[in-house]
Protein backbone atom coordinates (compact mmCIF):
# COMPACT_ATOMS: atom_id res chain seq x y z
CA MET A 1 12.75 -12.51 1.20
CA ARG A 2 14.84 -9.78 -0.37
CA ILE A 3 12.13 -9.13 -2.96
CA MET A 4 9.47 -8.80 -0.25
CA MET A 5 11.68 -6.35 1.65
CA ILE A 6 12.22 -4.30 -1.51
CA LEU A 7 8.51 -4.35 -2.31
CA ALA A 8 7.61 -3.40 1.26
CA ALA A 9 10.11 -0.55 1.15
CA GLY A 10 8.73 0.54 -2.21
CA ALA A 11 5.18 0.53 -0.88
CA THR A 12 6.25 2.53 2.16
CA LEU A 13 7.95 5.02 -0.14
CA ALA A 14 4.83 5.23 -2.31
CA PHE A 15 2.67 5.85 0.74
CA ALA A 16 5.09 8.49 2.00
CA MET A 17 4.98 10.18 -1.39
CA ALA A 18 1.18 10.08 -1.31
CA ALA A 19 1.17 11.72 2.12
CA ASN A 20 3.62 14.36 0.88
CA ALA A 21 1.47 15.01 -2.17
CA GLN A 22 -1.18 16.43 0.13
CA THR A 23 1.13 19.10 1.57
CA PRO A 24 1.55 22.35 -0.36
CA SER A 25 4.74 22.56 -2.37
CA THR A 26 6.43 25.25 -4.40
CA GLN A 27 7.89 22.70 -6.81
CA ALA A 28 6.01 21.55 -9.88
CA PRO A 29 5.54 17.76 -10.07
CA ALA A 30 7.82 15.96 -12.54
CA GLN A 31 4.90 14.10 -14.08
CA PRO A 32 1.29 13.56 -13.04
CA PRO A 33 0.76 10.06 -11.63
CA ALA A 34 -2.12 7.82 -12.69
CA ALA A 35 -4.27 5.41 -10.69
CA ALA A 36 -7.22 3.06 -10.94
CA PRO A 37 -10.13 2.70 -10.46
CA ALA A 38 -10.33 6.52 -10.66
CA PRO A 39 -9.54 8.24 -13.97
CA PRO A 40 -5.80 8.90 -14.39
CA SER A 41 -6.19 12.68 -14.26
CA ALA A 42 -7.87 12.49 -10.82
CA ALA A 43 -5.40 10.14 -9.12
CA PRO A 44 -2.56 11.57 -7.01
CA THR A 45 -0.59 8.44 -6.10
CA GLY A 46 0.58 6.48 -9.16
CA ILE A 47 -1.36 3.40 -8.06
CA LYS A 48 -2.93 1.67 -11.05
CA SER A 49 -4.66 -1.19 -9.24
CA VAL A 50 -5.26 -2.37 -5.69
CA THR A 51 -5.52 -6.03 -4.73
CA VAL A 52 -6.33 -7.26 -1.23
CA VAL A 53 -5.20 -10.77 -0.29
CA ASP A 54 -5.64 -12.74 2.90
CA VAL A 55 -2.32 -13.86 4.34
CA GLN A 56 -3.70 -17.42 4.50
CA GLU A 57 -4.24 -17.38 0.71
CA LEU A 58 -0.51 -16.98 0.11
CA PRO A 59 1.86 -19.93 -0.39
CA GLU A 60 3.45 -21.10 2.88
CA ALA A 61 6.88 -19.71 1.97
CA THR A 62 5.38 -16.30 1.22
CA GLN A 63 3.30 -16.41 4.42
CA LYS A 64 6.52 -16.97 6.36
CA GLN A 65 8.20 -14.03 4.60
CA VAL A 66 5.26 -11.74 5.32
CA ASN A 67 5.10 -12.86 8.94
CA ASP A 68 8.86 -12.31 9.34
CA ILE A 69 8.60 -8.80 7.91
CA VAL A 70 5.63 -7.97 10.12
CA ALA A 71 7.49 -9.29 13.18
CA GLN A 72 10.54 -7.11 12.39
CA ARG A 73 8.45 -3.99 11.84
CA GLY A 74 7.44 -1.91 14.82
CA ASP A 75 4.00 -0.66 15.76
CA ALA A 76 4.94 2.83 14.59
CA ASP A 77 5.67 1.53 11.06
CA LEU A 78 2.37 -0.35 10.98
CA GLN A 79 0.50 2.74 12.15
CA GLN A 80 2.25 4.81 9.47
CA LEU A 81 1.22 2.29 6.79
CA ARG A 82 -2.39 2.33 8.00
CA SER A 83 -2.41 6.12 8.18
CA SER A 84 -1.15 6.30 4.60
CA ILE A 85 -3.91 3.93 3.52
CA ASP A 86 -6.55 6.06 5.26
CA THR A 87 -5.33 9.22 3.52
CA THR A 88 -5.28 7.66 0.04
CA PRO A 89 -8.86 7.55 -1.28
CA GLU A 90 -8.41 4.85 -3.92
CA ILE A 91 -6.78 2.46 -1.44
CA LYS A 92 -9.32 3.18 1.27
CA SER A 93 -12.23 2.65 -1.12
CA ALA A 94 -10.74 -0.65 -2.39
CA LEU A 95 -10.66 -1.90 1.20
CA GLU A 96 -14.16 -0.62 1.95
CA ALA A 97 -15.47 -2.42 -1.14
CA LYS A 98 -14.39 -5.65 0.54
CA GLY A 99 -15.84 -4.62 3.92
CA LEU A 100 -12.37 -3.95 5.37
CA THR A 101 -10.48 -1.03 6.89
CA SER A 102 -6.81 -0.17 7.18
CA ALA A 103 -6.81 -1.93 10.56
CA HIS A 104 -7.01 -5.24 8.67
CA VAL A 105 -3.83 -4.56 6.65
CA ILE A 106 -0.52 -5.96 7.90
CA ALA A 107 1.67 -5.45 4.81
CA ALA A 108 1.74 -3.76 1.45
CA SER A 109 3.82 -4.18 -1.66
CA MET A 110 3.86 -2.27 -4.90
CA SER A 111 5.11 -3.51 -8.23
CA PRO A 112 6.92 -1.25 -10.67
CA ASP A 113 3.81 -1.15 -12.88
CA GLY A 114 1.74 0.46 -10.11
CA ALA A 115 -0.07 -2.65 -8.87
CA LEU A 116 -0.49 -2.35 -5.09
CA THR A 117 -1.07 -5.53 -3.10
CA LEU A 118 -2.36 -5.22 0.45
CA THR A 119 -2.01 -8.24 2.68
CA ARG A 120 -4.62 -8.51 5.36
CA LYS A 121 -4.41 -10.48 8.56
CA ALA A 122 -6.22 -13.78 8.74
CA GLY A 123 -9.78 -13.79 9.89
């Protein structure tokens, strides 16, 4: 459970950073992030891959962890996550490729290597 909370917090931080990247800044970025499937020079978020999984595809213990996290999170947090998804082209296009939108996403986690996993609600 602690790992899921850390990953969820990391994904939220990554999405917040992506949203901030779109606002003008007087500071130069420390290093240019890379992402996939777009070429690294064109990607603003540091996301290297996006995977979408159905919550029902997860092991039962992981399903319970995801459901517990979703239950603890408020609607405002979920809306912020979905808004971040909608403003990040590579995430949005990964969802659209599967016929989904941000409204289907209930959780997100990002690994240290830049692999973003979106968990979608069943159905």
